[in-house]
Amino acid sequence: MLRPRIIPCLLIHNKGLYKTVNFKNHKYVGDPLNAVKIFNEKEVDELFVLDIDATVEQRSPDFSLIENLAAECRMPFCYGGGVTSVEQAKKIIELGAEKVAISSSVVDNLSFVKDLSVSIGSQSVVVVLDVKKKQGLFKKGHEIFTHNGQKKAKVDLLSLVESLNQLNIGELVINSIDNDGKMNGYDMDLAEKIRSHIDVPLTILGGAGSIRDIELLISKFEIIGASAGSLFVFKGKYRAVLINYPTREEKEKLLLS
């Protein structure tokens, strides 16, 4: 039976754990392996680990890091960053990750999704789309960006979403660049628009600043993934670094409310 999921998202930059605001202003928050150990103790549902340098630097995934993460993780985890081939995805799964996230490679070549699904199973294929509101007084909707928000994709968001839905991917993650690190709440209108166009599992990332934000997302969409970065690595108005996650009791209350 499918249930809502609460998913910390860890961003890897310069081999460390960082947090961003609008994909900029990188702030170091610690060692990723130490964070994983703490999240183990807190019994998180699952974990996203995204290497935000790999595609920009045109390099392969950090297989050594993936292997170390898999050895530490006691929860399912998804790894993304620099995946451009079936062979790379297969190795990531073999090293112990449950899912592989792809982004720019999908925008450039939709058939890559089919190839991955055949190789590692559609349930293990996660597509992450980084989106931003269109700029201009009379422009509406969102655009897709790749390469850590640096490159605008020449593809319509909803058209791509519908194509991915037909390919029956394992999961679609919509990451709001506008809301990234702001901790002012999810873009609920964007989530609703995407949800109305797909049947596959959906996760929303970008903007969560409180458990209440997660509660609002789950209460409206029910079976959905609520992912966050800042919420689970910062504490208080001064954003002191503190790895945190809802207790089992808090989570059960949240998911059943």
C-alpha atoms as a PDB file:
ATOM      1  CA  MET A   1       0.000   0.000   0.000  1.00  0.00           C
ATOM      2  CA  LEU A   2       1.385   3.389  -1.008  1.00  0.00           C
ATOM      3  CA  ARG A   3       1.819   5.971   1.726  1.00  0.00           C
ATOM      4  CA  PRO A   4       3.021   9.567   1.863  1.00  0.00           C
ATOM      5  CA  ARG A   5       6.781   9.826   2.352  1.00  0.00           C
ATOM      6  CA  ILE A   6       8.889  12.446   4.132  1.00  0.00           C
ATOM      7  CA  ILE A   7      12.270  12.587   2.411  1.00  0.00           C
ATOM      8  CA  PRO A   8      15.401  14.548   3.388  1.00  0.00           C
ATOM      9  CA  CYS A   9      17.375  15.755   0.378  1.00  0.00           C
ATOM     10  CA  LEU A  10      21.152  16.041   0.721  1.00  0.00           C
ATOM     11  CA  LEU A  11      23.108  18.164  -1.768  1.00  0.00           C
ATOM     12  CA  ILE A  12      26.706  17.165  -2.451  1.00  0.00           C
ATOM     13  CA  HIS A  13      29.058  19.998  -3.461  1.00  0.00           C
ATOM     14  CA  ASN A  14      32.871  19.804  -3.348  1.00  0.00           C
ATOM     15  CA  LYS A  15      32.408  16.373  -1.723  1.00  0.00           C
ATOM     16  CA  GLY A  16      30.674  17.971   1.278  1.00  0.00           C
ATOM     17  CA  LEU A  17      27.096  18.486   2.361  1.00  0.00           C
ATOM     18  CA  TYR A  18      25.826  21.932   1.376  1.00  0.00           C
ATOM     19  CA  LYS A  19      22.558  23.839   1.295  1.00  0.00           C
ATOM     20  CA  THR A  20      21.603  26.500  -1.216  1.00  0.00           C
ATOM     21  CA  VAL A  21      19.118  29.334  -1.680  1.00  0.00           C
ATOM     22  CA  ASN A  22      17.675  29.559  -5.192  1.00  0.00           C
ATOM     23  CA  PHE A  23      20.468  27.179  -6.241  1.00  0.00           C
ATOM     24  CA  LYS A  24      23.066  29.781  -5.134  1.00  0.00           C
ATOM     25  CA  ASN A  25      24.818  30.892  -1.925  1.00  0.00           C
ATOM     26  CA  HIS A  26      26.185  27.474  -1.013  1.00  0.00           C
ATOM     27  CA  LYS A  27      26.486  26.966   2.729  1.00  0.00           C
ATOM     28  CA  TYR A  28      28.525  24.101   4.140  1.00  0.00           C
ATOM     29  CA  VAL A  29      26.558  22.064   6.659  1.00  0.00           C
ATOM     30  CA  GLY A  30      28.752  19.038   7.279  1.00  0.00           C
ATOM     31  CA  ASP A  31      29.886  15.621   6.147  1.00  0.00           C
ATOM     32  CA  PRO A  32      27.289  13.614   4.181  1.00  0.00           C
ATOM     33  CA  LEU A  33      28.194  10.316   5.825  1.00  0.00           C
ATOM     34  CA  ASN A  34      27.752  11.779   9.305  1.00  0.00           C
ATOM     35  CA  ALA A  35      24.366  13.128   8.240  1.00  0.00           C
ATOM     36  CA  VAL A  36      23.348   9.676   7.007  1.00  0.00           C
ATOM     37  CA  LYS A  37      24.329   8.126  10.344  1.00  0.00           C
ATOM     38  CA  ILE A  38      22.093  10.587  12.178  1.00  0.00           C
ATOM     39  CA  PHE A  39      19.218  10.034   9.770  1.00  0.00           C
ATOM     40  CA  ASN A  40      19.579   6.295  10.377  1.00  0.00           C
ATOM     41  CA  GLU A  41      18.905   6.880  14.059  1.00  0.00           C
ATOM     42  CA  LYS A  42      15.886   9.008  13.224  1.00  0.00           C
ATOM     43  CA  GLU A  43      14.383   6.263  11.025  1.00  0.00           C
ATOM     44  CA  VAL A  44      13.722   8.390   7.963  1.00  0.00           C
ATOM     45  CA  ASP A  45      11.477   7.024   5.210  1.00  0.00           C
ATOM     46  CA  GLU A  46      14.109   7.369   2.503  1.00  0.00           C
ATOM     47  CA  LEU A  47      16.847   9.697   1.347  1.00  0.00           C
ATOM     48  CA  PHE A  48      17.698  11.702  -1.765  1.00  0.00           C
ATOM     49  CA  VAL A  49      21.391  12.351  -2.392  1.00  0.00           C
ATOM     50  CA  LEU A  50      22.061  14.712  -5.305  1.00  0.00           C
ATOM     51  CA  ASP A  51      25.549  15.616  -6.524  1.00  0.00           C
ATOM     52  CA  ILE A  52      24.982  19.124  -7.861  1.00  0.00           C
ATOM     53  CA  ASP A  53      28.488  19.408  -9.357  1.00  0.00           C
ATOM     54  CA  ALA A  54      28.650  16.317 -11.562  1.00  0.00           C
ATOM     55  CA  THR A  55      26.652  17.475 -14.583  1.00  0.00           C
ATOM     56  CA  VAL A  56      28.094  20.998 -14.487  1.00  0.00           C
ATOM     57  CA  GLU A  57      31.613  19.577 -14.394  1.00  0.00           C
ATOM     58  CA  GLN A  58      30.750  16.918 -16.998  1.00  0.00           C
ATOM     59  CA  ARG A  59      32.000  14.084 -14.845  1.00  0.00           C
ATOM     60  CA  SER A  60      30.740  10.671 -13.851  1.00  0.00           C
ATOM     61  CA  PRO A  61      28.962   9.889 -10.581  1.00  0.00           C
ATOM     62  CA  ASP A  62      31.187   9.563  -7.518  1.00  0.00           C
ATOM     63  CA  PHE A  63      31.018   5.791  -7.172  1.00  0.00           C
ATOM     64  CA  SER A  64      33.250   5.761  -4.110  1.00  0.00           C
ATOM     65  CA  LEU A  65      30.856   8.076  -2.278  1.00  0.00           C
ATOM     66  CA  ILE A  66      27.872   6.035  -3.417  1.00  0.00           C
ATOM     67  CA  GLU A  67      29.464   2.858  -2.079  1.00  0.00           C
ATOM     68  CA  ASN A  68      30.191   4.519   1.262  1.00  0.00           C
ATOM     69  CA  LEU A  69      26.660   5.908   1.468  1.00  0.00           C
ATOM     70  CA  ALA A  70      25.153   2.508   0.717  1.00  0.00           C
ATOM     71  CA  ALA A  71      27.288   0.922   3.435  1.00  0.00           C
ATOM     72  CA  GLU A  72      25.963   3.429   5.984  1.00  0.00           C
ATOM     73  CA  CYS A  73      22.333   3.796   4.881  1.00  0.00           C
ATOM     74  CA  ARG A  74      19.716   1.788   6.720  1.00  0.00           C
ATOM     75  CA  MET A  75      16.973   3.351   4.636  1.00  0.00           C
ATOM     76  CA  PRO A  76      16.284   3.280   0.883  1.00  0.00           C
ATOM     77  CA  PHE A  77      18.191   5.982  -0.922  1.00  0.00           C
ATOM     78  CA  CYS A  78      18.185   7.555  -4.350  1.00  0.00           C
ATOM     79  CA  TYR A  79      21.349   8.917  -5.922  1.00  0.00           C
ATOM     80  CA  GLY A  80      21.504  11.482  -8.707  1.00  0.00           C
ATOM     81  CA  GLY A  81      24.186  13.500 -10.436  1.00  0.00           C
ATOM     82  CA  GLY A  82      26.156  12.911 -13.623  1.00  0.00           C
ATOM     83  CA  VAL A  83      24.239   9.815 -14.749  1.00  0.00           C
ATOM     84  CA  THR A  84      24.399   9.684 -18.539  1.00  0.00           C
ATOM     85  CA  SER A  85      24.545   5.971 -19.323  1.00  0.00           C
ATOM     86  CA  VAL A  86      22.811   2.703 -18.519  1.00  0.00           C
ATOM     87  CA  GLU A  87      26.114   1.263 -17.325  1.00  0.00           C
ATOM     88  CA  GLN A  88      26.495   4.020 -14.720  1.00  0.00           C
ATOM     89  CA  ALA A  89      22.938   3.491 -13.475  1.00  0.00           C
ATOM     90  CA  LYS A  90      23.443  -0.265 -13.188  1.00  0.00           C
ATOM     91  CA  LYS A  91      26.617   0.253 -11.177  1.00  0.00           C
ATOM     92  CA  ILE A  92      24.830   2.644  -8.799  1.00  0.00           C
ATOM     93  CA  ILE A  93      22.149   0.017  -8.156  1.00  0.00           C
ATOM     94  CA  GLU A  94      24.782  -2.703  -7.760  1.00  0.00           C
ATOM     95  CA  LEU A  95      26.550  -0.561  -5.157  1.00  0.00           C
ATOM     96  CA  GLY A  96      23.404  -0.501  -3.047  1.00  0.00           C
ATOM     97  CA  ALA A  97      21.190   2.435  -4.064  1.00  0.00           C
ATOM     98  CA  GLU A  98      17.519   1.611  -4.598  1.00  0.00           C
ATOM     99  CA  LYS A  99      16.859   4.381  -7.127  1.00  0.00           C
ATOM    100  CA  VAL A 100      18.763   6.431  -9.690  1.00  0.00           C
ATOM    101  CA  ALA A 101      17.833  10.047 -10.380  1.00  0.00           C
ATOM    102  CA  ILE A 102      18.328  11.620 -13.789  1.00  0.00           C
ATOM    103  CA  SER A 103      17.633  15.138 -14.993  1.00  0.00           C
ATOM    104  CA  SER A 104      19.482  16.827 -17.856  1.00  0.00           C
ATOM    105  CA  SER A 105      19.991  13.508 -19.639  1.00  0.00           C
ATOM    106  CA  VAL A 106      16.201  13.119 -19.839  1.00  0.00           C
ATOM    107  CA  VAL A 107      15.686  16.583 -21.266  1.00  0.00           C
ATOM    108  CA  ASP A 108      18.314  15.883 -23.917  1.00  0.00           C
ATOM    109  CA  ASN A 109      17.202  12.342 -24.713  1.00  0.00           C
ATOM    110  CA  LEU A 110      13.813  11.025 -23.609  1.00  0.00           C
ATOM    111  CA  SER A 111      14.585   7.538 -24.920  1.00  0.00           C
ATOM    112  CA  PHE A 112      17.193   7.277 -22.158  1.00  0.00           C
ATOM    113  CA  VAL A 113      14.313   6.717 -19.735  1.00  0.00           C
ATOM    114  CA  LYS A 114      13.194   3.657 -21.708  1.00  0.00           C
ATOM    115  CA  ASP A 115      16.710   2.251 -21.738  1.00  0.00           C
ATOM    116  CA  LEU A 116      17.064   2.705 -17.983  1.00  0.00           C
ATOM    117  CA  SER A 117      13.677   1.136 -17.275  1.00  0.00           C
ATOM    118  CA  VAL A 118      14.644  -1.981 -19.205  1.00  0.00           C
ATOM    119  CA  SER A 119      18.001  -2.200 -17.453  1.00  0.00           C
ATOM    120  CA  ILE A 120      17.262  -1.402 -13.800  1.00  0.00           C
ATOM    121  CA  GLY A 121      13.449  -1.531 -13.704  1.00  0.00           C
ATOM    122  CA  SER A 122      11.058   1.395 -14.039  1.00  0.00           C
ATOM    123  CA  GLN A 123      10.493   1.444 -10.264  1.00  0.00           C
ATOM    124  CA  SER A 124      14.128   2.504  -9.824  1.00  0.00           C
ATOM    125  CA  VAL A 125      14.030   5.357 -12.349  1.00  0.00           C
ATOM    126  CA  VAL A 126      13.505   8.792 -10.781  1.00  0.00           C
ATOM    127  CA  VAL A 127      13.306  11.928 -12.921  1.00  0.00           C
ATOM    128  CA  VAL A 128      14.115  15.234 -11.219  1.00  0.00           C
ATOM    129  CA  LEU A 129      12.928  18.400 -12.955  1.00  0.00           C
ATOM    130  CA  ASP A 130      14.277  21.709 -11.649  1.00  0.00           C
ATOM    131  CA  VAL A 131      11.708  24.345 -12.548  1.00  0.00           C
ATOM    132  CA  LYS A 132      11.401  28.112 -12.300  1.00  0.00           C
ATOM    133  CA  LYS A 133       8.582  30.559 -12.932  1.00  0.00           C
ATOM    134  CA  LYS A 134       8.733  32.227 -16.328  1.00  0.00           C
ATOM    135  CA  GLN A 135      10.104  35.755 -16.176  1.00  0.00           C
ATOM    136  CA  GLY A 136       8.084  38.632 -17.617  1.00  0.00           C
ATOM    137  CA  LEU A 137       4.948  40.597 -16.845  1.00  0.00           C
ATOM    138  CA  PHE A 138       2.659  38.618 -19.131  1.00  0.00           C
ATOM    139  CA  LYS A 139       4.330  35.214 -18.878  1.00  0.00           C
ATOM    140  CA  LYS A 140       2.767  32.394 -16.899  1.00  0.00           C
ATOM    141  CA  GLY A 141       3.828  28.882 -16.068  1.00  0.00           C
ATOM    142  CA  HIS A 142       7.204  27.340 -15.373  1.00  0.00           C
ATOM    143  CA  GLU A 143      10.324  26.478 -17.309  1.00  0.00           C
ATOM    144  CA  ILE A 144      12.768  23.619 -16.846  1.00  0.00           C
ATOM    145  CA  PHE A 145      16.399  24.339 -16.059  1.00  0.00           C
ATOM    146  CA  THR A 146      19.349  21.938 -16.036  1.00  0.00           C
ATOM    147  CA  HIS A 147      23.032  22.087 -15.014  1.00  0.00           C
ATOM    148  CA  ASN A 148      22.213  23.197 -11.475  1.00  0.00           C
ATOM    149  CA  GLY A 149      19.823  25.891 -12.704  1.00  0.00           C
ATOM    150  CA  GLN A 150      22.277  27.408 -15.173  1.00  0.00           C
ATOM    151  CA  LYS A 151      20.815  26.242 -18.481  1.00  0.00           C
ATOM    152  CA  LYS A 152      17.219  26.716 -19.655  1.00  0.00           C
ATOM    153  CA  ALA A 153      15.803  23.658 -21.395  1.00  0.00           C
ATOM    154  CA  LYS A 154      14.049  24.027 -24.722  1.00  0.00           C
ATOM    155  CA  VAL A 155      11.131  21.804 -23.799  1.00  0.00           C
ATOM    156  CA  ASP A 156       7.674  22.493 -22.401  1.00  0.00           C
ATOM    157  CA  LEU A 157       7.267  21.377 -18.786  1.00  0.00           C
ATOM    158  CA  LEU A 158       3.796  19.861 -19.022  1.00  0.00           C
ATOM    159  CA  SER A 159       4.525  18.170 -22.339  1.00  0.00           C
ATOM    160  CA  LEU A 160       7.581  16.500 -20.855  1.00  0.00           C
ATOM    161  CA  VAL A 161       5.676  15.535 -17.704  1.00  0.00           C
ATOM    162  CA  GLU A 162       2.967  13.861 -19.791  1.00  0.00           C
ATOM    163  CA  SER A 163       5.594  11.986 -21.803  1.00  0.00           C
ATOM    164  CA  LEU A 164       7.262  10.769 -18.618  1.00  0.00           C
ATOM    165  CA  ASN A 165       3.904   9.639 -17.294  1.00  0.00           C
ATOM    166  CA  GLN A 166       3.348   7.544 -20.418  1.00  0.00           C
ATOM    167  CA  LEU A 167       6.762   5.971 -19.906  1.00  0.00           C
ATOM    168  CA  ASN A 168       5.595   4.913 -16.414  1.00  0.00           C
ATOM    169  CA  ILE A 169       8.699   6.086 -14.566  1.00  0.00           C
ATOM    170  CA  GLY A 170       9.118   5.107 -10.942  1.00  0.00           C
ATOM    171  CA  GLU A 171       8.885   8.645  -9.603  1.00  0.00           C
ATOM    172  CA  LEU A 172       8.827  12.286 -10.663  1.00  0.00           C
ATOM    173  CA  VAL A 173      10.453  14.911  -8.453  1.00  0.00           C
ATOM    174  CA  ILE A 174       9.538  18.546  -9.061  1.00  0.00           C
ATOM    175  CA  ASN A 175      12.113  20.889  -7.527  1.00  0.00           C
ATOM    176  CA  SER A 176      11.222  24.583  -7.297  1.00  0.00           C
ATOM    177  CA  ILE A 177      14.235  26.811  -7.919  1.00  0.00           C
ATOM    178  CA  ASP A 178      12.232  29.864  -6.788  1.00  0.00           C
ATOM    179  CA  ASN A 179      11.475  28.255  -3.425  1.00  0.00           C
ATOM    180  CA  ASP A 180      14.802  26.504  -2.858  1.00  0.00           C
ATOM    181  CA  GLY A 181      16.134  27.285   0.618  1.00  0.00           C
ATOM    182  CA  LYS A 182      13.543  29.998   1.274  1.00  0.00           C
ATOM    183  CA  MET A 183      11.639  27.895   3.845  1.00  0.00           C
ATOM    184  CA  ASN A 184       8.388  29.748   3.061  1.00  0.00           C
ATOM    185  CA  GLY A 185       6.350  26.724   2.024  1.00  0.00           C
ATOM    186  CA  TYR A 186       5.895  24.570  -1.062  1.00  0.00           C
ATOM    187  CA  ASP A 187       4.559  25.895  -4.363  1.00  0.00           C
ATOM    188  CA  MET A 188       1.136  24.292  -3.974  1.00  0.00           C
ATOM    189  CA  ASP A 189      -0.183  25.607  -7.295  1.00  0.00           C
ATOM    190  CA  LEU A 190       2.731  24.023  -9.127  1.00  0.00           C
ATOM    191  CA  ALA A 191       2.223  20.743  -7.270  1.00  0.00           C
ATOM    192  CA  GLU A 192      -1.472  20.725  -8.172  1.00  0.00           C
ATOM    193  CA  LYS A 193      -0.751  21.416 -11.839  1.00  0.00           C
ATOM    194  CA  ILE A 194       1.763  18.572 -12.076  1.00  0.00           C
ATOM    195  CA  ARG A 195      -0.394  16.158 -10.087  1.00  0.00           C
ATOM    196  CA  SER A 196      -3.294  16.656 -12.508  1.00  0.00           C
ATOM    197  CA  HIS A 197      -1.104  15.527 -15.414  1.00  0.00           C
ATOM    198  CA  ILE A 198       0.394  12.313 -14.031  1.00  0.00           C
ATOM    199  CA  ASP A 199      -0.412   9.007 -12.384  1.00  0.00           C
ATOM    200  CA  VAL A 200       3.117   8.039 -11.326  1.00  0.00           C
ATOM    201  CA  PRO A 201       4.406   8.752  -7.798  1.00  0.00           C
ATOM    202  CA  LEU A 202       5.149  12.448  -7.296  1.00  0.00           C
ATOM    203  CA  THR A 203       7.515  14.171  -4.880  1.00  0.00           C
ATOM    204  CA  ILE A 204       7.685  17.926  -4.297  1.00  0.00           C
ATOM    205  CA  LEU A 205      10.945  19.585  -3.272  1.00  0.00           C
ATOM    206  CA  GLY A 206      11.774  23.198  -2.462  1.00  0.00           C
ATOM    207  CA  GLY A 207      10.436  25.568   0.179  1.00  0.00           C
ATOM    208  CA  ALA A 208       9.463  23.509   3.221  1.00  0.00           C
ATOM    209  CA  GLY A 209      10.195  25.507   6.364  1.00  0.00           C
ATOM    210  CA  SER A 210       8.125  23.657   8.946  1.00  0.00           C
ATOM    211  CA  ILE A 211       6.341  20.405   9.602  1.00  0.00           C
ATOM    212  CA  ARG A 212       3.160  22.368   8.946  1.00  0.00           C
ATOM    213  CA  ASP A 213       4.255  22.841   5.319  1.00  0.00           C
ATOM    214  CA  ILE A 214       4.602  19.077   4.946  1.00  0.00           C
ATOM    215  CA  GLU A 215       1.231  18.572   6.619  1.00  0.00           C
ATOM    216  CA  LEU A 216      -0.438  20.955   4.154  1.00  0.00           C
ATOM    217  CA  LEU A 217       1.112  19.166   1.178  1.00  0.00           C
ATOM    218  CA  ILE A 218       0.113  15.705   2.356  1.00  0.00           C
ATOM    219  CA  SER A 219      -3.392  16.740   3.451  1.00  0.00           C
ATOM    220  CA  LYS A 220      -4.080  18.173  -0.002  1.00  0.00           C
ATOM    221  CA  PHE A 221      -2.505  15.484  -2.185  1.00  0.00           C
ATOM    222  CA  GLU A 222      -2.504  12.485   0.193  1.00  0.00           C
ATOM    223  CA  ILE A 223      -0.208   9.985  -1.531  1.00  0.00           C
ATOM    224  CA  ILE A 224       2.791  12.179  -2.271  1.00  0.00           C
ATOM    225  CA  GLY A 225       6.430  12.576  -1.370  1.00  0.00           C
ATOM    226  CA  ALA A 226       7.333  15.643   0.694  1.00  0.00           C
ATOM    227  CA  SER A 227      11.035  16.333   0.346  1.00  0.00           C
ATOM    228  CA  ALA A 228      13.111  19.043   1.997  1.00  0.00           C
ATOM    229  CA  GLY A 229      16.696  20.088   2.553  1.00  0.00           C
ATOM    230  CA  SER A 230      16.918  23.139   4.810  1.00  0.00           C
ATOM    231  CA  LEU A 231      14.130  21.940   7.091  1.00  0.00           C
ATOM    232  CA  PHE A 232      16.120  18.839   8.037  1.00  0.00           C
ATOM    233  CA  VAL A 233      19.568  20.420   8.419  1.00  0.00           C
ATOM    234  CA  PHE A 234      18.796  23.787  10.034  1.00  0.00           C
ATOM    235  CA  LYS A 235      17.105  24.719  13.297  1.00  0.00           C
ATOM    236  CA  GLY A 236      15.689  28.061  14.437  1.00  0.00           C
ATOM    237  CA  LYS A 237      15.578  31.507  12.859  1.00  0.00           C
ATOM    238  CA  TYR A 238      19.386  31.759  12.810  1.00  0.00           C
ATOM    239  CA  ARG A 239      19.632  28.515  10.835  1.00  0.00           C
ATOM    240  CA  ALA A 240      21.958  26.726  13.196  1.00  0.00           C
ATOM    241  CA  VAL A 241      23.111  23.449  11.650  1.00  0.00           C
ATOM    242  CA  LEU A 242      21.264  20.603  13.323  1.00  0.00           C
ATOM    243  CA  ILE A 243      20.212  17.387  11.586  1.00  0.00           C
ATOM    244  CA  ASN A 244      16.588  16.731  12.506  1.00  0.00           C
ATOM    245  CA  TYR A 245      13.521  14.779  11.394  1.00  0.00           C
ATOM    246  CA  PRO A 246      10.032  14.163  12.823  1.00  0.00           C
ATOM    247  CA  THR A 247       9.853  11.525  15.546  1.00  0.00           C
ATOM    248  CA  ARG A 248       7.914   8.365  14.852  1.00  0.00           C
ATOM    249  CA  GLU A 249       4.977   9.723  16.840  1.00  0.00           C
ATOM    250  CA  GLU A 250       5.071  13.094  15.051  1.00  0.00           C
ATOM    251  CA  LYS A 251       5.263  11.386  11.683  1.00  0.00           C
ATOM    252  CA  GLU A 252       2.378   9.022  12.379  1.00  0.00           C
ATOM    253  CA  LYS A 253       0.240  11.932  13.553  1.00  0.00           C
ATOM    254  CA  LEU A 254       1.213  13.895  10.460  1.00  0.00           C
ATOM    255  CA  LEU A 255       0.473  11.090   8.014  1.00  0.00           C
ATOM    256  CA  LEU A 256      -2.830  10.198   9.640  1.00  0.00           C
ATOM    257  CA  SER A 257      -4.119  13.773  10.052  1.00  0.00           C
END
